[in-house]
């Protein structure tokens, strides 16, 4: 089973259930207004290491002169990435 590590609360319950049907488990920390869920030690470690991946992506975007924005959807991310590659 595949796992997707995400930010707190950026994935809706509908999206998480849709991904689960496709065999992808969404792993994220919980916000104050969310129910707590049990995470394995490995998943907890991977969630805490996300900043390394985000830092590398940020450096690559700065080298490529791709505008750094917080994308709220996959479509926005892809559009920004393709635009930077074309430029």
Protein backbone atom coordinates (compact mmCIF):
# COMPACT_ATOMS: atom_id res chain seq x y z
CA UNK A 1 0.00 0.00 0.00
CA UNK A 2 1.31 3.45 -0.95
CA UNK A 3 1.47 6.36 1.47
CA UNK A 4 1.12 10.08 0.89
CA UNK A 5 2.60 12.40 3.53
CA UNK A 6 0.71 15.69 3.67
CA UNK A 7 0.40 18.89 5.69
CA UNK A 8 -2.04 19.20 8.57
CA UNK A 9 -5.60 19.47 7.39
CA UNK A 10 -4.93 20.13 3.69
CA UNK A 11 -6.57 16.89 2.63
CA UNK A 12 -10.31 16.59 2.99
CA UNK A 13 -12.04 13.46 4.19
CA UNK A 14 -13.52 12.97 0.72
CA UNK A 15 -10.08 13.16 -0.92
CA UNK A 16 -8.57 10.83 1.66
CA UNK A 17 -11.32 8.23 1.13
CA UNK A 18 -10.99 8.56 -2.67
CA UNK A 19 -7.24 7.98 -2.43
CA UNK A 20 -7.79 5.06 -0.05
CA UNK A 21 -10.00 3.38 -2.67
CA UNK A 22 -7.07 3.70 -5.09
CA UNK A 23 -4.68 2.15 -2.57
CA UNK A 24 -3.03 5.33 -1.24
CA UNK A 25 -3.08 6.06 2.49
CA UNK A 26 -2.88 9.73 3.47
CA UNK A 27 -0.59 10.31 6.45
CA UNK A 28 -0.68 13.70 8.18
CA UNK A 29 -0.45 15.24 11.62
CA UNK A 30 -3.71 16.38 13.14
CA UNK A 31 -4.87 19.88 13.92
CA UNK A 32 -6.44 20.90 17.21
CA UNK A 33 -9.95 20.51 15.79
CA UNK A 34 -9.29 17.03 14.31
CA UNK A 35 -9.57 13.61 15.91
CA UNK A 36 -6.27 12.09 16.96
CA UNK A 37 -5.14 9.01 15.06
CA UNK A 38 -2.44 6.47 15.79
CA UNK A 39 0.70 6.66 13.63
CA UNK A 40 3.55 4.19 13.47
CA UNK A 41 7.03 5.35 14.43
CA UNK A 42 8.10 5.21 10.77
CA UNK A 43 5.21 7.42 9.64
CA UNK A 44 5.86 9.88 12.46
CA UNK A 45 9.54 10.08 11.43
CA UNK A 46 8.66 10.61 7.76
CA UNK A 47 6.25 13.41 8.64
CA UNK A 48 8.94 15.15 10.68
CA UNK A 49 11.44 14.89 7.78
CA UNK A 50 9.19 16.57 5.22
CA UNK A 51 11.02 19.88 5.65
CA UNK A 52 14.14 18.39 4.01
CA UNK A 53 12.20 17.55 0.86
CA UNK A 54 10.51 20.96 0.85
CA UNK A 55 13.89 22.70 1.26
CA UNK A 56 15.38 20.85 -1.70
CA UNK A 57 12.31 21.60 -3.83
CA UNK A 58 12.55 25.26 -2.83
CA UNK A 59 16.21 25.44 -3.85
CA UNK A 60 15.47 23.80 -7.20
CA UNK A 61 12.65 26.28 -7.80
CA UNK A 62 14.90 29.21 -6.95
CA UNK A 63 17.64 27.96 -9.31
CA UNK A 64 15.07 27.48 -12.09
CA UNK A 65 13.47 30.86 -11.27
CA UNK A 66 10.07 29.26 -10.75
CA UNK A 67 7.82 31.42 -8.59
CA UNK A 68 7.52 30.02 -5.06
CA UNK A 69 3.91 29.90 -3.95
CA UNK A 70 1.88 27.66 -1.67
CA UNK A 71 -0.21 25.51 -3.95
CA UNK A 72 -3.59 24.43 -2.67
CA UNK A 73 -4.23 22.03 -5.55
CA UNK A 74 -2.32 19.66 -7.78
CA UNK A 75 -3.48 21.60 -10.84
CA UNK A 76 -1.99 24.85 -9.53
CA UNK A 77 1.30 23.14 -8.76
CA UNK A 78 1.53 21.55 -12.21
CA UNK A 79 0.60 24.78 -13.98
CA UNK A 80 3.29 26.71 -12.09
CA UNK A 81 5.92 24.01 -12.71
CA UNK A 82 5.18 23.75 -16.44
CA UNK A 83 5.21 27.56 -16.70
CA UNK A 84 8.63 27.69 -15.04
CA UNK A 85 10.01 24.99 -17.33
CA UNK A 86 8.71 26.80 -20.40
CA UNK A 87 10.23 30.08 -19.22
